[in-house]
Structure formats: C-alpha cells, structure tokens
PDB file of N, CA and C in Angstrom:
ATOM      1  N   MET A   1     106.159  86.899 120.207  1.00  0.00           N
ATOM      2  CA  MET A   1     105.816  86.983 118.766  1.00  0.00           C
ATOM      3  C   MET A   1     104.828  85.882 118.395  1.00  0.00           C
ATOM      4  N   ILE A   2     103.995  86.148 117.422  1.00  0.00           N
ATOM      5  CA  ILE A   2     103.007  85.147 116.996  1.00  0.00           C
ATOM      6  C   ILE A   2     103.722  83.944 116.390  1.00  0.00           C
ATOM      7  N   THR A   3     104.889  84.189 115.796  1.00  0.00           N
ATOM      8  CA  THR A   3     105.632  83.110 115.128  1.00  0.00           C
ATOM      9  C   THR A   3     105.834  81.942 116.089  1.00  0.00           C
ATOM     10  N   LYS A   4     106.126  82.250 117.342  1.00  0.00           N
ATOM     11  CA  LYS A   4     106.365  81.180 118.319  1.00  0.00           C
ATOM     12  C   LYS A   4     105.113  80.330 118.464  1.00  0.00           C
ATOM     13  N   ARG A   5     103.973  80.965 118.559  1.00  0.00           N
ATOM     14  CA  ARG A   5     102.712  80.230 118.748  1.00  0.00           C
ATOM     15  C   ARG A   5     102.397  79.419 117.500  1.00  0.00           C
ATOM     16  N   LEU A   6     102.781  79.939 116.354  1.00  0.00           N
ATOM     17  CA  LEU A   6     102.453  79.245 115.107  1.00  0.00           C
ATOM     18  C   LEU A   6     103.601  78.333 114.685  1.00  0.00           C
ATOM     19  N   GLY A   7     104.467  77.987 115.628  1.00  0.00           N
ATOM     20  CA  GLY A   7     105.595  77.119 115.292  1.00  0.00           C
ATOM     21  C   GLY A   7     105.090  75.826 114.665  1.00  0.00           C
ATOM     22  N   LYS A   8     104.048  75.239 115.251  1.00  0.00           N
ATOM     23  CA  LYS A   8     103.508  73.975 114.715  1.00  0.00           C
ATOM     24  C   LYS A   8     102.815  74.222 113.380  1.00  0.00           C
ATOM     25  N   ASN A   9     102.114  75.344 113.289  1.00  0.00           N
ATOM     26  CA  ASN A   9     101.375  75.633 112.049  1.00  0.00           C
ATOM     27  C   ASN A   9     102.193  76.530 111.127  1.00  0.00           C
ATOM     28  N   GLY A  10     103.500  76.394 111.159  1.00  0.00           N
ATOM     29  CA  GLY A  10     104.361  77.230 110.306  1.00  0.00           C
ATOM     30  C   GLY A  10     103.853  77.292 108.880  1.00  0.00           C
ATOM     31  N   PRO A  11     103.765  76.153 108.198  1.00  0.00           N
ATOM     32  CA  PRO A  11     103.320  76.121 106.792  1.00  0.00           C
ATOM     33  C   PRO A  11     101.920  76.705 106.634  1.00  0.00           C
ATOM     34  N   LEU A  12     101.061  76.384 107.575  1.00  0.00           N
ATOM     35  CA  LEU A  12      99.681  76.874 107.479  1.00  0.00           C
ATOM     36  C   LEU A  12      99.669  78.398 107.562  1.00  0.00           C
ATOM     37  N   VAL A  13     100.430  78.920 108.506  1.00  0.00           N
ATOM     38  CA  VAL A  13     100.481  80.380 108.680  1.00  0.00           C
ATOM     39  C   VAL A  13     101.028  81.026 107.415  1.00  0.00           C
ATOM     40  N   SER A  14     102.066  80.439 106.866  1.00  0.00           N
ATOM     41  CA  SER A  14     102.664  80.991 105.636  1.00  0.00           C
ATOM     42  C   SER A  14     101.612  81.029 104.540  1.00  0.00           C
ATOM     43  N   ALA A  15     100.844  79.959 104.425  1.00  0.00           N
ATOM     44  CA  ALA A  15      99.803  79.893 103.385  1.00  0.00           C
ATOM     45  C   ALA A  15      98.763  80.980 103.648  1.00  0.00           C
ATOM     46  N   LEU A  16      98.387  81.143 104.917  1.00  0.00           N
ATOM     47  CA  LEU A  16      97.379  82.166 105.247  1.00  0.00           C
ATOM     48  C   LEU A  16      97.943  83.554 104.969  1.00  0.00           C
ATOM     49  N   GLY A  17      99.175  83.772 105.387  1.00  0.00           N
ATOM     50  CA  GLY A  17      99.810  85.075 105.159  1.00  0.00           C
ATOM     51  C   GLY A  17      99.876  85.384 103.673  1.00  0.00           C
ATOM     52  N   MET A  18     100.293  84.398 102.879  1.00  0.00           N
ATOM     53  CA  MET A  18     100.396  84.618 101.432  1.00  0.00           C
ATOM     54  C   MET A  18      98.993  84.761 100.842  1.00  0.00           C
ATOM     55  N   GLY A  19      98.050  84.007 101.369  1.00  0.00           N
ATOM     56  CA  GLY A  19      96.676  84.073 100.858  1.00  0.00           C
ATOM     57  C   GLY A  19      96.103  85.466 101.082  1.00  0.00           C
ATOM     58  N   CYS A  20      96.468  86.075 102.211  1.00  0.00           N
ATOM     59  CA  CYS A  20      95.950  87.426 102.488  1.00  0.00           C
ATOM     60  C   CYS A  20      96.559  88.424 101.509  1.00  0.00           C
ATOM     61  N   MET A  21      97.807  88.197 101.134  1.00  0.00           N
ATOM     62  CA  MET A  21      98.491  89.131 100.228  1.00  0.00           C
ATOM     63  C   MET A  21      98.176  88.811  98.768  1.00  0.00           C
ATOM     64  N   THR A  22      97.829  87.571  98.497  1.00  0.00           N
ATOM     65  CA  THR A  22      97.579  87.165  97.102  1.00  0.00           C
ATOM     66  C   THR A  22      96.433  87.957  96.468  1.00  0.00           C
ATOM     67  N   PRO A  23      95.299  88.071  97.136  1.00  0.00           N
ATOM     68  CA  PRO A  23      94.156  88.794  96.552  1.00  0.00           C
ATOM     69  C   PRO A  23      94.535  90.236  96.211  1.00  0.00           C
ATOM     70  N   GLN A  24      95.269  90.891  97.099  1.00  0.00           N
ATOM     71  CA  GLN A  24      95.674  92.278  96.850  1.00  0.00           C
ATOM     72  C   GLN A  24      96.587  92.337  95.632  1.00  0.00           C
ATOM     73  N   LYS A  25      97.537  91.405  95.559  1.00  0.00           N
ATOM     74  CA  LYS A  25      98.468  91.405  94.422  1.00  0.00           C
ATOM     75  C   LYS A  25      97.701  91.068  93.145  1.00  0.00           C
ATOM     76  N   SER A  26      96.809  90.109  93.239  1.00  0.00           N
ATOM     77  CA  SER A  26      96.027  89.709  92.057  1.00  0.00           C
ATOM     78  C   SER A  26      95.209  90.901  91.579  1.00  0.00           C
ATOM     79  N   GLY A  27      94.651  91.651  92.524  1.00  0.00           N
ATOM     80  CA  GLY A  27      93.843  92.814  92.152  1.00  0.00           C
ATOM     81  C   GLY A  27      94.712  93.807  91.393  1.00  0.00           C
ATOM     82  N   SER A  28      95.939  93.989  91.867  1.00  0.00           N
ATOM     83  CA  SER A  28      96.849  94.924  91.193  1.00  0.00           C
ATOM     84  C   SER A  28      97.182  94.399  89.800  1.00  0.00           C
ATOM     85  N   ASP A  29      97.426  93.109  89.732  1.00  0.00           N
ATOM     86  CA  ASP A  29      97.750  92.495  88.432  1.00  0.00           C
ATOM     87  C   ASP A  29      96.482  92.484  87.597  1.00  0.00           C
TER      88      ASP A  29
END
C-alpha cells in the first residue's frame, strides 16, 4: 500500500489528499 511508503510523509500526504478533494468540493459549494 502507498500508506506504508508515505509513513514519514503522513501529514503531507493527508494534506495532498485533502487538497485534491478540496477543489472539487469547493466547486460544488
């Protein structure tokens, strides 16, 4: 799983993941 590789960048990955979803949600809003 990618999660294992991103163990060190956990927070960074979360921010990127949310950032990818944020624009779509913002567009809907």
